[in-house]
């Protein structure tokens, strides 16, 4: 079973599977005594597909990622 956004994207554009999963990294920076969280920008990544039907999904995923990362900063 695919995650819901991956399923939506694959239903529209089969080759988008080359770009999945949307990766997020979490790193402990011991020298700074902090944690770094980074994620790829789905809108930029999916632009390579050149299928406008995927754009709303990429935008929604980006908004969700931004909310999650922002909540970690608070």
N, C-alpha and C. Protein backbone atom coordinates (compact mmCIF):
# COMPACT_ATOMS: atom_id res chain seq x y z
N UNK A 1 0.84 -1.17 0.00
CA UNK A 1 0.00 0.00 0.00
C UNK A 1 0.89 1.25 0.00
N UNK A 2 0.55 2.20 -0.83
CA UNK A 2 1.31 3.45 -0.92
C UNK A 2 0.77 4.48 0.06
N UNK A 3 1.63 5.37 0.55
CA UNK A 3 1.13 6.53 1.30
C UNK A 3 0.20 7.33 0.38
N UNK A 4 -0.78 8.05 0.94
CA UNK A 4 -1.81 8.69 0.11
C UNK A 4 -1.29 9.68 -0.95
N UNK A 5 -0.29 10.48 -0.61
CA UNK A 5 0.20 11.44 -1.60
C UNK A 5 0.99 10.75 -2.70
N UNK A 6 1.71 9.71 -2.35
CA UNK A 6 2.43 8.94 -3.36
C UNK A 6 1.43 8.29 -4.31
N UNK A 7 0.36 7.73 -3.77
CA UNK A 7 -0.67 7.08 -4.59
C UNK A 7 -1.30 8.08 -5.55
N UNK A 8 -1.68 9.26 -5.04
CA UNK A 8 -2.27 10.29 -5.91
C UNK A 8 -1.32 10.66 -7.05
N UNK A 9 -0.05 10.83 -6.69
CA UNK A 9 0.94 11.22 -7.69
C UNK A 9 1.16 10.13 -8.72
N UNK A 10 1.26 8.89 -8.26
CA UNK A 10 1.47 7.76 -9.18
C UNK A 10 0.28 7.53 -10.10
N UNK A 11 -0.91 7.81 -9.60
CA UNK A 11 -2.11 7.68 -10.45
C UNK A 11 -2.08 8.67 -11.61
N UNK A 12 -1.47 9.82 -11.39
CA UNK A 12 -1.41 10.86 -12.42
C UNK A 12 -0.19 10.66 -13.33
N UNK A 13 0.94 10.32 -12.72
CA UNK A 13 2.21 10.27 -13.46
C UNK A 13 3.05 9.10 -12.96
N UNK A 14 3.06 8.01 -13.71
CA UNK A 14 3.76 6.79 -13.28
C UNK A 14 5.26 7.01 -13.06
N UNK A 15 5.89 7.84 -13.85
CA UNK A 15 7.33 8.03 -13.73
C UNK A 15 7.74 8.83 -12.50
N UNK A 16 6.76 9.38 -11.80
CA UNK A 16 7.08 10.13 -10.59
C UNK A 16 7.67 9.21 -9.53
N UNK A 17 7.46 7.92 -9.67
CA UNK A 17 8.03 6.95 -8.75
C UNK A 17 9.55 7.06 -8.66
N UNK A 18 10.17 7.61 -9.67
CA UNK A 18 11.62 7.82 -9.65
C UNK A 18 12.03 8.80 -8.56
N UNK A 19 11.10 9.66 -8.17
CA UNK A 19 11.40 10.71 -7.20
C UNK A 19 10.90 10.39 -5.79
N UNK A 20 10.22 9.28 -5.63
CA UNK A 20 9.66 8.94 -4.32
C UNK A 20 10.61 8.05 -3.57
N UNK A 21 10.64 8.01 -2.27
CA UNK A 21 9.82 8.80 -1.36
C UNK A 21 10.40 10.21 -1.19
N UNK A 22 9.56 11.10 -0.68
CA UNK A 22 10.02 12.45 -0.35
C UNK A 22 10.85 12.31 0.92
N UNK A 23 12.12 12.52 0.80
CA UNK A 23 13.02 12.27 1.92
C UNK A 23 13.12 13.44 2.87
N UNK A 24 13.22 13.10 4.13
CA UNK A 24 13.47 14.04 5.20
C UNK A 24 14.65 13.48 5.99
N UNK A 25 15.58 14.35 6.34
CA UNK A 25 16.71 13.89 7.16
C UNK A 25 16.69 14.61 8.50
N UNK A 26 17.10 13.90 9.52
CA UNK A 26 17.24 14.45 10.87
C UNK A 26 18.65 14.12 11.32
N UNK A 27 19.39 15.15 11.68
CA UNK A 27 20.78 14.96 12.09
C UNK A 27 21.01 15.59 13.46
N UNK A 28 21.70 14.87 14.32
CA UNK A 28 22.12 15.43 15.59
C UNK A 28 23.49 16.06 15.36
N UNK A 29 23.59 17.36 15.62
CA UNK A 29 24.85 18.07 15.46
C UNK A 29 25.47 18.23 16.84
N UNK A 30 26.33 17.28 17.19
CA UNK A 30 26.89 17.25 18.54
C UNK A 30 27.72 18.47 18.86
N UNK A 31 28.48 18.95 17.86
CA UNK A 31 29.34 20.11 18.13
C UNK A 31 28.53 21.37 18.43
N UNK A 32 27.30 21.44 17.91
CA UNK A 32 26.44 22.60 18.17
C UNK A 32 25.35 22.28 19.20
N UNK A 33 25.30 21.03 19.63
CA UNK A 33 24.29 20.56 20.59
C UNK A 33 22.88 20.92 20.12
N UNK A 34 22.62 20.58 18.88
CA UNK A 34 21.32 20.86 18.27
C UNK A 34 20.96 19.76 17.28
N UNK A 35 19.78 19.86 16.73
CA UNK A 35 19.32 18.89 15.73
C UNK A 35 18.96 19.65 14.46
N UNK A 36 19.34 19.09 13.33
CA UNK A 36 19.05 19.69 12.03
C UNK A 36 18.02 18.81 11.31
N UNK A 37 16.98 19.46 10.78
CA UNK A 37 15.96 18.76 10.00
C UNK A 37 15.94 19.40 8.62
N UNK A 38 16.00 18.57 7.58
CA UNK A 38 15.99 19.08 6.20
C UNK A 38 15.08 18.20 5.36
N UNK A 39 14.42 18.84 4.40
CA UNK A 39 13.53 18.11 3.49
C UNK A 39 13.67 18.70 2.10
N UNK A 40 13.48 17.86 1.11
CA UNK A 40 13.51 18.33 -0.27
C UNK A 40 12.22 19.11 -0.54
N UNK A 41 12.29 20.10 -1.40
CA UNK A 41 11.12 20.89 -1.78
C UNK A 41 10.35 20.11 -2.84
N UNK A 42 9.18 19.56 -2.50
CA UNK A 42 8.43 18.75 -3.47
C UNK A 42 8.05 19.51 -4.74
N UNK A 43 7.76 20.80 -4.61
CA UNK A 43 7.39 21.58 -5.80
C UNK A 43 8.56 21.64 -6.78
N UNK A 44 9.75 21.87 -6.27
CA UNK A 44 10.92 21.94 -7.15
C UNK A 44 11.23 20.57 -7.75
N UNK A 45 11.14 19.54 -6.94
CA UNK A 45 11.44 18.19 -7.41
C UNK A 45 10.45 17.76 -8.51
N UNK A 46 9.17 18.03 -8.29
CA UNK A 46 8.15 17.57 -9.24
C UNK A 46 8.11 18.41 -10.51
N UNK A 47 8.78 19.57 -10.53
CA UNK A 47 8.83 20.37 -11.75
C UNK A 47 9.52 19.61 -12.87
N UNK A 48 10.40 18.70 -12.50
CA UNK A 48 11.10 17.90 -13.51
C UNK A 48 10.15 16.97 -14.25
N UNK A 49 9.03 16.65 -13.64
CA UNK A 49 8.04 15.76 -14.26
C UNK A 49 7.29 16.49 -15.38
N UNK A 50 7.09 17.79 -15.21
CA UNK A 50 6.41 18.62 -16.21
C UNK A 50 4.99 18.14 -16.51
N UNK A 51 4.28 17.82 -15.44
CA UNK A 51 2.87 17.45 -15.55
C UNK A 51 2.11 18.35 -14.58
N UNK A 52 1.35 19.32 -15.09
CA UNK A 52 0.67 20.29 -14.22
C UNK A 52 -0.33 19.65 -13.26
N UNK A 53 -0.79 18.44 -13.53
CA UNK A 53 -1.73 17.78 -12.63
C UNK A 53 -1.08 17.41 -11.30
N UNK A 54 0.23 17.31 -11.27
CA UNK A 54 0.95 16.93 -10.06
C UNK A 54 1.19 18.14 -9.16
N UNK A 55 1.13 19.33 -9.71
CA UNK A 55 1.45 20.55 -8.96
C UNK A 55 0.63 20.70 -7.67
N UNK A 56 -0.68 20.49 -7.68
CA UNK A 56 -1.44 20.65 -6.43
C UNK A 56 -1.00 19.67 -5.34
N UNK A 57 -0.64 18.47 -5.74
CA UNK A 57 -0.18 17.48 -4.76
C UNK A 57 1.16 17.92 -4.17
N UNK A 58 2.06 18.36 -5.03
CA UNK A 58 3.37 18.83 -4.56
C UNK A 58 3.21 20.01 -3.60
N UNK A 59 2.31 20.91 -3.92
CA UNK A 59 2.07 22.07 -3.06
C UNK A 59 1.53 21.64 -1.70
N UNK A 60 0.60 20.69 -1.70
CA UNK A 60 0.03 20.21 -0.44
C UNK A 60 1.09 19.50 0.41
N UNK A 61 1.92 18.68 -0.21
CA UNK A 61 2.99 18.00 0.51
C UNK A 61 3.97 19.02 1.08
N UNK A 62 4.32 20.04 0.28
CA UNK A 62 5.24 21.08 0.75
C UNK A 62 4.67 21.79 1.97
N UNK A 63 3.38 22.14 1.91
CA UNK A 63 2.75 22.83 3.04
C UNK A 63 2.78 21.97 4.30
N UNK A 64 2.52 20.69 4.15
CA UNK A 64 2.55 19.77 5.30
C UNK A 64 3.96 19.66 5.87
N UNK A 65 4.95 19.52 5.00
CA UNK A 65 6.34 19.45 5.46
C UNK A 65 6.75 20.73 6.20
N UNK A 66 6.34 21.88 5.66
CA UNK A 66 6.68 23.15 6.29
C UNK A 66 6.05 23.26 7.68
N UNK A 67 4.79 22.80 7.80
CA UNK A 67 4.12 22.85 9.10
C UNK A 67 4.83 21.95 10.13
N UNK A 68 5.21 20.77 9.69
CA UNK A 68 5.88 19.84 10.61
C UNK A 68 7.23 20.42 11.04
N UNK A 69 8.01 20.89 10.09
CA UNK A 69 9.34 21.44 10.42
C UNK A 69 9.19 22.68 11.29
N UNK A 70 8.22 23.53 10.99
CA UNK A 70 7.99 24.73 11.82
C UNK A 70 7.61 24.37 13.24
N UNK A 71 6.83 23.30 13.39
CA UNK A 71 6.41 22.89 14.73
C UNK A 71 7.60 22.39 15.56
N UNK A 72 8.64 21.91 14.90
CA UNK A 72 9.83 21.45 15.61
C UNK A 72 10.66 22.60 16.13
N UNK A 73 10.54 23.74 15.49
CA UNK A 73 11.33 24.91 15.86
C UNK A 73 10.72 25.59 17.09
N UNK A 74 9.42 25.53 17.22
CA UNK A 74 8.73 26.23 18.32
C UNK A 74 9.07 25.69 19.66
